[in-house]
Amino acid sequence: MNDLMVLNMIEQLTQVSSKAQLETWVDQCLMTHCSASSILIGYGKMQSEFAMVPYFVSSNFPKSLIKTFDINDPHLAVPMLDEWRHTGTPVIGDLSGDRLHDLLWQTMFRQKGFQKVAVAVNMDRRNGYTTYLCMTDPTVRGVALDTAQFQKHFAIIAPILHNVLSQLEYQQALAKKDDKISKLTPRENEILQWIKEGKTNFEISCILGISFSTIKNHVQKILIKLQVNNRTQAISKYS
């Protein structure tokens, strides 16, 4: 994989603005320049507990590894993540040969006939949000991708992919918030705006000329519709 291929991959990746476009990028760009027998792209938090959501999974990736991605069993660990933590660079692991202490994920991959696993990770150390790219048996024009090539190119691609997934995650969270806000009546939206201004129920009742008990009922409905427990959480959802 030469530099021109990588530049093309990056250019196409920076234009991704939806999950559907990410799938297209994988199919038409990543797989074109770096073919693999299976691919998984995930995004989530590594600290303080590990939990990740798959954003792209090819059909032949072991399904048992991606049911939740909230993994506590050390034998069913996320492939090659410990190696990345140790080196801080993209890594390729060889699955061939006999091993005395296989992890379960290694056994699953080998049962599918996979020979190598390549992993590139990017983590924002301020908040622990992590992007995880896993490919099995990556090749370039029919030749196995060597470790030096993979490290050189995917050390550049991984942070760009992370920025794209971070934006997609933000858009998804924003859409969920807007959906909940849209369920509020005009009066409830008005009251929520006064709550955001720091007004108490009594102050809002005076401002709107509505009884205190009515305002209290409206606030309770707002909390229920926004699926929050208190006014502070409601303001956070509204902001």
C-alpha atoms as a PDB file:
ATOM      1  CA  MET A   1       0.000   0.000   0.000  1.00  0.00           C
ATOM      2  CA  ASN A   2       1.682   3.182  -1.195  1.00  0.00           C
ATOM      3  CA  ASP A   3       1.287   6.755   0.016  1.00  0.00           C
ATOM      4  CA  LEU A   4      -1.068   7.620  -2.842  1.00  0.00           C
ATOM      5  CA  MET A   5      -3.466   4.870  -1.766  1.00  0.00           C
ATOM      6  CA  VAL A   6      -3.363   6.136   1.805  1.00  0.00           C
ATOM      7  CA  LEU A   7      -4.057   9.717   0.716  1.00  0.00           C
ATOM      8  CA  ASN A   8      -7.048   8.496  -1.272  1.00  0.00           C
ATOM      9  CA  MET A   9      -8.356   6.554   1.733  1.00  0.00           C
ATOM     10  CA  ILE A  10      -7.955   9.602   3.966  1.00  0.00           C
ATOM     11  CA  GLU A  11      -9.598  11.948   1.479  1.00  0.00           C
ATOM     12  CA  GLN A  12     -12.627   9.691   1.185  1.00  0.00           C
ATOM     13  CA  LEU A  13     -12.757   9.114   4.956  1.00  0.00           C
ATOM     14  CA  THR A  14     -12.855  12.827   5.766  1.00  0.00           C
ATOM     15  CA  GLN A  15     -16.033  13.106   3.693  1.00  0.00           C
ATOM     16  CA  VAL A  16     -17.903  10.491   5.753  1.00  0.00           C
ATOM     17  CA  SER A  17     -20.840  12.046   7.633  1.00  0.00           C
ATOM     18  CA  SER A  18     -23.145   9.076   8.280  1.00  0.00           C
ATOM     19  CA  LYS A  19     -22.983   5.414   9.202  1.00  0.00           C
ATOM     20  CA  ALA A  20     -24.112   4.493   5.681  1.00  0.00           C
ATOM     21  CA  GLN A  21     -21.237   6.512   4.225  1.00  0.00           C
ATOM     22  CA  LEU A  22     -18.832   4.775   6.607  1.00  0.00           C
ATOM     23  CA  GLU A  23     -20.001   1.406   5.272  1.00  0.00           C
ATOM     24  CA  THR A  24     -19.470   2.670   1.729  1.00  0.00           C
ATOM     25  CA  TRP A  25     -15.960   3.840   2.651  1.00  0.00           C
ATOM     26  CA  VAL A  26     -15.115   0.408   4.026  1.00  0.00           C
ATOM     27  CA  ASP A  27     -16.515  -1.422   0.984  1.00  0.00           C
ATOM     28  CA  GLN A  28     -15.275   0.864  -1.764  1.00  0.00           C
ATOM     29  CA  CYS A  29     -12.115   2.376  -0.295  1.00  0.00           C
ATOM     30  CA  LEU A  30     -10.622   0.389   2.568  1.00  0.00           C
ATOM     31  CA  MET A  31     -11.314  -2.987   0.972  1.00  0.00           C
ATOM     32  CA  THR A  32     -10.124  -1.728  -2.425  1.00  0.00           C
ATOM     33  CA  HIS A  33      -6.717  -0.651  -1.130  1.00  0.00           C
ATOM     34  CA  CYS A  34      -6.358  -3.099   1.765  1.00  0.00           C
ATOM     35  CA  SER A  35      -8.424  -6.234   1.299  1.00  0.00           C
ATOM     36  CA  ALA A  36      -9.221  -8.270   4.416  1.00  0.00           C
ATOM     37  CA  SER A  37     -11.119 -11.464   5.219  1.00  0.00           C
ATOM     38  CA  SER A  38     -13.121  -9.650   7.937  1.00  0.00           C
ATOM     39  CA  ILE A  39     -13.339  -6.149   9.397  1.00  0.00           C
ATOM     40  CA  LEU A  40     -14.716  -4.590  12.560  1.00  0.00           C
ATOM     41  CA  ILE A  41     -14.793  -0.899  13.445  1.00  0.00           C
ATOM     42  CA  GLY A  42     -15.919   0.041  16.938  1.00  0.00           C
ATOM     43  CA  TYR A  43     -16.198   3.173  19.080  1.00  0.00           C
ATOM     44  CA  GLY A  44     -16.684   3.560  22.802  1.00  0.00           C
ATOM     45  CA  LYS A  45     -15.022   4.157  26.152  1.00  0.00           C
ATOM     46  CA  MET A  46     -12.009   2.334  27.527  1.00  0.00           C
ATOM     47  CA  GLN A  47     -11.908   4.152  30.887  1.00  0.00           C
ATOM     48  CA  SER A  48     -12.980   3.502  33.546  1.00  0.00           C
ATOM     49  CA  GLU A  49     -14.880   0.478  32.219  1.00  0.00           C
ATOM     50  CA  PHE A  50     -14.587  -0.855  28.693  1.00  0.00           C
ATOM     51  CA  ALA A  51     -17.729  -0.652  26.567  1.00  0.00           C
ATOM     52  CA  MET A  52     -17.749  -0.361  22.792  1.00  0.00           C
ATOM     53  CA  VAL A  53     -20.393  -0.162  20.066  1.00  0.00           C
ATOM     54  CA  PRO A  54     -19.635  -1.693  16.642  1.00  0.00           C
ATOM     55  CA  TYR A  55     -20.023   0.852  13.832  1.00  0.00           C
ATOM     56  CA  PHE A  56     -19.154  -1.580  11.063  1.00  0.00           C
ATOM     57  CA  VAL A  57     -18.954  -5.372  11.132  1.00  0.00           C
ATOM     58  CA  SER A  58     -18.370  -7.575   8.105  1.00  0.00           C
ATOM     59  CA  SER A  59     -20.574 -10.639   7.796  1.00  0.00           C
ATOM     60  CA  ASN A  60     -17.844 -13.181   8.583  1.00  0.00           C
ATOM     61  CA  PHE A  61     -16.475 -11.525  11.720  1.00  0.00           C
ATOM     62  CA  PRO A  62     -17.084 -13.849  14.757  1.00  0.00           C
ATOM     63  CA  LYS A  63     -20.512 -12.786  16.056  1.00  0.00           C
ATOM     64  CA  SER A  64     -19.874 -13.982  19.611  1.00  0.00           C
ATOM     65  CA  LEU A  65     -17.169 -11.320  19.947  1.00  0.00           C
ATOM     66  CA  ILE A  66     -19.506  -8.443  19.138  1.00  0.00           C
ATOM     67  CA  LYS A  67     -22.739  -9.256  20.977  1.00  0.00           C
ATOM     68  CA  THR A  68     -22.103  -6.607  23.597  1.00  0.00           C
ATOM     69  CA  PHE A  69     -18.422  -5.619  23.481  1.00  0.00           C
ATOM     70  CA  ASP A  70     -18.778  -5.102  27.221  1.00  0.00           C
ATOM     71  CA  ILE A  71     -16.219  -7.764  27.990  1.00  0.00           C
ATOM     72  CA  ASN A  72     -15.050  -8.790  31.451  1.00  0.00           C
ATOM     73  CA  ASP A  73     -13.797 -12.307  30.696  1.00  0.00           C
ATOM     74  CA  PRO A  74     -10.022 -12.098  30.096  1.00  0.00           C
ATOM     75  CA  HIS A  75     -10.228 -15.113  27.780  1.00  0.00           C
ATOM     76  CA  LEU A  76     -12.807 -13.359  25.587  1.00  0.00           C
ATOM     77  CA  ALA A  77     -10.834 -10.128  25.347  1.00  0.00           C
ATOM     78  CA  VAL A  78     -10.885  -7.597  22.535  1.00  0.00           C
ATOM     79  CA  PRO A  79      -8.379  -8.867  19.935  1.00  0.00           C
ATOM     80  CA  MET A  80      -4.878  -7.389  20.201  1.00  0.00           C
ATOM     81  CA  LEU A  81      -5.956  -4.555  22.508  1.00  0.00           C
ATOM     82  CA  ASP A  82      -3.381  -5.453  25.156  1.00  0.00           C
ATOM     83  CA  GLU A  83      -0.635  -5.437  22.525  1.00  0.00           C
ATOM     84  CA  TRP A  84      -1.701  -1.971  21.408  1.00  0.00           C
ATOM     85  CA  ARG A  85      -1.701  -0.737  25.011  1.00  0.00           C
ATOM     86  CA  HIS A  86       1.857  -2.008  25.380  1.00  0.00           C
ATOM     87  CA  THR A  87       3.277  -0.633  22.119  1.00  0.00           C
ATOM     88  CA  GLY A  88       1.030   2.352  21.405  1.00  0.00           C
ATOM     89  CA  THR A  89       1.234   1.571  17.677  1.00  0.00           C
ATOM     90  CA  PRO A  90      -0.872  -0.484  15.213  1.00  0.00           C
ATOM     91  CA  VAL A  91      -0.105  -4.185  15.618  1.00  0.00           C
ATOM     92  CA  ILE A  92      -0.370  -7.391  13.616  1.00  0.00           C
ATOM     93  CA  GLY A  93      -0.669 -10.751  15.373  1.00  0.00           C
ATOM     94  CA  ASP A  94       0.095 -14.138  13.844  1.00  0.00           C
ATOM     95  CA  LEU A  95      -2.527 -16.820  14.554  1.00  0.00           C
ATOM     96  CA  SER A  96      -0.678 -19.703  12.913  1.00  0.00           C
ATOM     97  CA  GLY A  97       1.098 -22.440  14.838  1.00  0.00           C
ATOM     98  CA  ASP A  98       0.307 -24.245  18.076  1.00  0.00           C
ATOM     99  CA  ARG A  99      -0.263 -22.255  21.245  1.00  0.00           C
ATOM    100  CA  LEU A 100      -0.594 -23.578  24.766  1.00  0.00           C
ATOM    101  CA  HIS A 101      -2.598 -20.679  26.186  1.00  0.00           C
ATOM    102  CA  ASP A 102      -4.900 -19.440  23.451  1.00  0.00           C
ATOM    103  CA  LEU A 103      -7.414 -16.762  24.290  1.00  0.00           C
ATOM    104  CA  LEU A 104     -10.931 -17.599  23.190  1.00  0.00           C
ATOM    105  CA  TRP A 105     -10.948 -14.908  20.498  1.00  0.00           C
ATOM    106  CA  GLN A 106      -7.830 -16.475  18.956  1.00  0.00           C
ATOM    107  CA  THR A 107      -9.557 -19.842  18.797  1.00  0.00           C
ATOM    108  CA  MET A 108     -12.625 -18.286  17.163  1.00  0.00           C
ATOM    109  CA  PHE A 109     -10.530 -16.611  14.511  1.00  0.00           C
ATOM    110  CA  ARG A 110      -8.498 -19.713  13.784  1.00  0.00           C
ATOM    111  CA  GLN A 111     -11.671 -21.784  13.450  1.00  0.00           C
ATOM    112  CA  LYS A 112     -12.658 -19.460  10.607  1.00  0.00           C
ATOM    113  CA  GLY A 113      -9.294 -20.009   8.952  1.00  0.00           C
ATOM    114  CA  PHE A 114      -7.917 -16.558   9.705  1.00  0.00           C
ATOM    115  CA  GLN A 115      -4.125 -16.393   9.843  1.00  0.00           C
ATOM    116  CA  LYS A 116      -3.405 -12.848  11.030  1.00  0.00           C
ATOM    117  CA  VAL A 117      -5.140 -10.096  12.983  1.00  0.00           C
ATOM    118  CA  ALA A 118      -4.273  -6.437  12.414  1.00  0.00           C
ATOM    119  CA  VAL A 119      -5.462  -3.806  14.894  1.00  0.00           C
ATOM    120  CA  ALA A 120      -5.233  -0.009  14.889  1.00  0.00           C
ATOM    121  CA  VAL A 121      -6.522   1.957  17.879  1.00  0.00           C
ATOM    122  CA  ASN A 122      -6.898   5.624  18.709  1.00  0.00           C
ATOM    123  CA  MET A 123      -7.864   6.859  22.167  1.00  0.00           C
ATOM    124  CA  ASP A 124      -8.577  10.345  23.463  1.00  0.00           C
ATOM    125  CA  ARG A 125      -6.755  10.127  26.776  1.00  0.00           C
ATOM    126  CA  ARG A 126      -8.746  13.035  28.218  1.00  0.00           C
ATOM    127  CA  ASN A 127     -12.046  11.169  28.205  1.00  0.00           C
ATOM    128  CA  GLY A 128     -11.170   7.592  27.314  1.00  0.00           C
ATOM    129  CA  TYR A 129     -13.198   7.497  24.093  1.00  0.00           C
ATOM    130  CA  THR A 130     -11.609   4.977  21.777  1.00  0.00           C
ATOM    131  CA  THR A 131     -11.780   3.956  18.123  1.00  0.00           C
ATOM    132  CA  TYR A 132     -10.919   0.347  17.355  1.00  0.00           C
ATOM    133  CA  LEU A 133     -10.227  -1.059  13.876  1.00  0.00           C
ATOM    134  CA  CYS A 134      -9.673  -4.811  13.520  1.00  0.00           C
ATOM    135  CA  MET A 135      -8.912  -6.596  10.245  1.00  0.00           C
ATOM    136  CA  THR A 136      -8.057 -10.218   9.606  1.00  0.00           C
ATOM    137  CA  ASP A 137      -5.600 -11.277   6.904  1.00  0.00           C
ATOM    138  CA  PRO A 138      -5.133  -7.798   5.354  1.00  0.00           C
ATOM    139  CA  THR A 139      -3.532  -7.861   1.907  1.00  0.00           C
ATOM    140  CA  VAL A 140      -2.470  -5.351  -0.723  1.00  0.00           C
ATOM    141  CA  ARG A 141      -2.844  -6.602  -4.283  1.00  0.00           C
ATOM    142  CA  GLY A 142      -2.847 -10.169  -3.054  1.00  0.00           C
ATOM    143  CA  VAL A 143       0.261  -9.817  -0.895  1.00  0.00           C
ATOM    144  CA  ALA A 144       0.032  -9.911   2.914  1.00  0.00           C
ATOM    145  CA  LEU A 145       0.314  -6.459   4.488  1.00  0.00           C
ATOM    146  CA  ASP A 146       3.497  -6.393   6.542  1.00  0.00           C
ATOM    147  CA  THR A 147       3.740  -4.879  10.000  1.00  0.00           C
ATOM    148  CA  ALA A 148       5.901  -1.915   8.974  1.00  0.00           C
ATOM    149  CA  GLN A 149       3.427  -0.863   6.262  1.00  0.00           C
ATOM    150  CA  PHE A 150       0.481  -1.292   8.593  1.00  0.00           C
ATOM    151  CA  GLN A 151       2.075   0.698  11.390  1.00  0.00           C
ATOM    152  CA  LYS A 152       3.163   3.517   9.081  1.00  0.00           C
ATOM    153  CA  HIS A 153      -0.151   4.037   7.326  1.00  0.00           C
ATOM    154  CA  PHE A 154      -2.735   3.147   9.959  1.00  0.00           C
ATOM    155  CA  ALA A 155      -1.020   5.282  12.582  1.00  0.00           C
ATOM    156  CA  ILE A 156      -2.221   8.128  10.338  1.00  0.00           C
ATOM    157  CA  ILE A 157      -5.621   6.685   9.435  1.00  0.00           C
ATOM    158  CA  ALA A 158      -6.652   5.716  12.997  1.00  0.00           C
ATOM    159  CA  PRO A 159      -6.887   9.265  14.470  1.00  0.00           C
ATOM    160  CA  ILE A 160      -8.784  10.487  11.400  1.00  0.00           C
ATOM    161  CA  LEU A 161     -11.204   7.582  11.733  1.00  0.00           C
ATOM    162  CA  HIS A 162     -11.558   8.477  15.409  1.00  0.00           C
ATOM    163  CA  ASN A 163     -12.534  12.053  14.551  1.00  0.00           C
ATOM    164  CA  VAL A 164     -15.136  10.786  12.087  1.00  0.00           C
ATOM    165  CA  LEU A 165     -16.658   8.345  14.583  1.00  0.00           C
ATOM    166  CA  SER A 166     -16.647  10.983  17.321  1.00  0.00           C
ATOM    167  CA  GLN A 167     -18.661  13.261  15.047  1.00  0.00           C
ATOM    168  CA  LEU A 168     -21.078  10.465  14.129  1.00  0.00           C
ATOM    169  CA  GLU A 169     -21.553   9.671  17.817  1.00  0.00           C
ATOM    170  CA  TYR A 170     -22.201  13.347  18.566  1.00  0.00           C
ATOM    171  CA  GLN A 171     -24.756  13.562  15.750  1.00  0.00           C
ATOM    172  CA  GLN A 172     -26.508  10.452  17.049  1.00  0.00           C
ATOM    173  CA  ALA A 173     -26.655  11.817  20.592  1.00  0.00           C
ATOM    174  CA  LEU A 174     -27.942  15.161  19.283  1.00  0.00           C
ATOM    175  CA  ALA A 175     -30.649  13.425  17.253  1.00  0.00           C
ATOM    176  CA  LYS A 176     -31.792  11.491  20.328  1.00  0.00           C
ATOM    177  CA  LYS A 177     -31.930  14.719  22.346  1.00  0.00           C
ATOM    178  CA  ASP A 178     -33.894  16.530  19.641  1.00  0.00           C
ATOM    179  CA  ASP A 179     -36.317  13.618  19.434  1.00  0.00           C
ATOM    180  CA  LYS A 180     -37.020  13.809  23.151  1.00  0.00           C
ATOM    181  CA  ILE A 181     -37.352  17.597  23.083  1.00  0.00           C
ATOM    182  CA  SER A 182     -39.812  17.362  20.177  1.00  0.00           C
ATOM    183  CA  LYS A 183     -42.114  15.262  22.347  1.00  0.00           C
ATOM    184  CA  LEU A 184     -42.682  18.217  24.681  1.00  0.00           C
ATOM    185  CA  THR A 185     -45.717  20.430  24.202  1.00  0.00           C
ATOM    186  CA  PRO A 186     -45.198  24.157  23.472  1.00  0.00           C
ATOM    187  CA  ARG A 187     -46.081  24.941  27.095  1.00  0.00           C
ATOM    188  CA  GLU A 188     -43.635  22.321  28.415  1.00  0.00           C
ATOM    189  CA  ASN A 189     -40.880  23.733  26.174  1.00  0.00           C
ATOM    190  CA  GLU A 190     -41.648  27.188  27.540  1.00  0.00           C
ATOM    191  CA  ILE A 191     -41.431  25.976  31.120  1.00  0.00           C
ATOM    192  CA  LEU A 192     -38.230  24.085  30.383  1.00  0.00           C
ATOM    193  CA  GLN A 193     -36.728  27.295  29.030  1.00  0.00           C
ATOM    194  CA  TRP A 194     -37.557  29.073  32.311  1.00  0.00           C
ATOM    195  CA  ILE A 195     -36.057  26.152  34.238  1.00  0.00           C
ATOM    196  CA  LYS A 196     -32.897  26.630  32.196  1.00  0.00           C
ATOM    197  CA  GLU A 197     -32.938  30.296  33.257  1.00  0.00           C
ATOM    198  CA  GLY A 198     -32.799  29.106  36.871  1.00  0.00           C
ATOM    199  CA  LYS A 199     -36.399  29.925  37.824  1.00  0.00           C
ATOM    200  CA  THR A 200     -38.183  27.950  40.537  1.00  0.00           C
ATOM    201  CA  ASN A 201     -41.647  26.445  40.059  1.00  0.00           C
ATOM    202  CA  PHE A 202     -43.126  29.303  42.087  1.00  0.00           C
ATOM    203  CA  GLU A 203     -41.336  31.937  39.988  1.00  0.00           C
ATOM    204  CA  ILE A 204     -42.475  30.259  36.759  1.00  0.00           C
ATOM    205  CA  SER A 205     -46.084  30.190  38.001  1.00  0.00           C
ATOM    206  CA  CYS A 206     -45.917  33.924  38.653  1.00  0.00           C
ATOM    207  CA  ILE A 207     -44.308  34.672  35.271  1.00  0.00           C
ATOM    208  CA  LEU A 208     -46.825  32.611  33.279  1.00  0.00           C
ATOM    209  CA  GLY A 209     -49.844  33.319  35.474  1.00  0.00           C
ATOM    210  CA  ILE A 210     -50.428  29.594  36.047  1.00  0.00           C
ATOM    211  CA  SER A 211     -51.049  27.926  39.400  1.00  0.00           C
ATOM    212  CA  PHE A 212     -48.086  26.437  41.239  1.00  0.00           C
ATOM    213  CA  SER A 213     -49.625  22.931  41.156  1.00  0.00           C
ATOM    214  CA  THR A 214     -50.055  23.133  37.359  1.00  0.00           C
ATOM    215  CA  ILE A 215     -46.421  24.138  36.906  1.00  0.00           C
ATOM    216  CA  LYS A 216     -45.382  21.276  39.174  1.00  0.00           C
ATOM    217  CA  ASN A 217     -47.384  18.818  37.045  1.00  0.00           C
ATOM    218  CA  HIS A 218     -45.825  20.186  33.859  1.00  0.00           C
ATOM    219  CA  VAL A 219     -42.323  19.800  35.323  1.00  0.00           C
ATOM    220  CA  GLN A 220     -43.064  16.192  36.274  1.00  0.00           C
ATOM    221  CA  LYS A 221     -44.222  15.444  32.718  1.00  0.00           C
ATOM    222  CA  ILE A 222     -41.074  17.078  31.338  1.00  0.00           C
ATOM    223  CA  LEU A 223     -38.860  14.837  33.477  1.00  0.00           C
ATOM    224  CA  ILE A 224     -40.761  11.751  32.350  1.00  0.00           C
ATOM    225  CA  LYS A 225     -40.634  12.636  28.651  1.00  0.00           C
ATOM    226  CA  LEU A 226     -36.937  13.470  28.775  1.00  0.00           C
ATOM    227  CA  GLN A 227     -36.250  10.324  30.826  1.00  0.00           C
ATOM    228  CA  VAL A 228     -34.372  12.206  33.525  1.00  0.00           C
ATOM    229  CA  ASN A 229     -34.612  12.313  37.315  1.00  0.00           C
ATOM    230  CA  ASN A 230     -34.276  15.994  38.133  1.00  0.00           C
ATOM    231  CA  ARG A 231     -34.217  19.551  36.786  1.00  0.00           C
ATOM    232  CA  THR A 232     -30.422  19.597  36.418  1.00  0.00           C
ATOM    233  CA  GLN A 233     -30.511  16.571  34.143  1.00  0.00           C
ATOM    234  CA  ALA A 234     -33.377  18.107  32.172  1.00  0.00           C
ATOM    235  CA  ILE A 235     -31.318  21.264  31.584  1.00  0.00           C
ATOM    236  CA  SER A 236     -28.405  19.108  30.418  1.00  0.00           C
ATOM    237  CA  LYS A 237     -30.661  17.376  27.892  1.00  0.00           C
ATOM    238  CA  TYR A 238     -32.046  20.702  26.726  1.00  0.00           C
ATOM    239  CA  SER A 239     -28.647  22.408  26.309  1.00  0.00           C
END
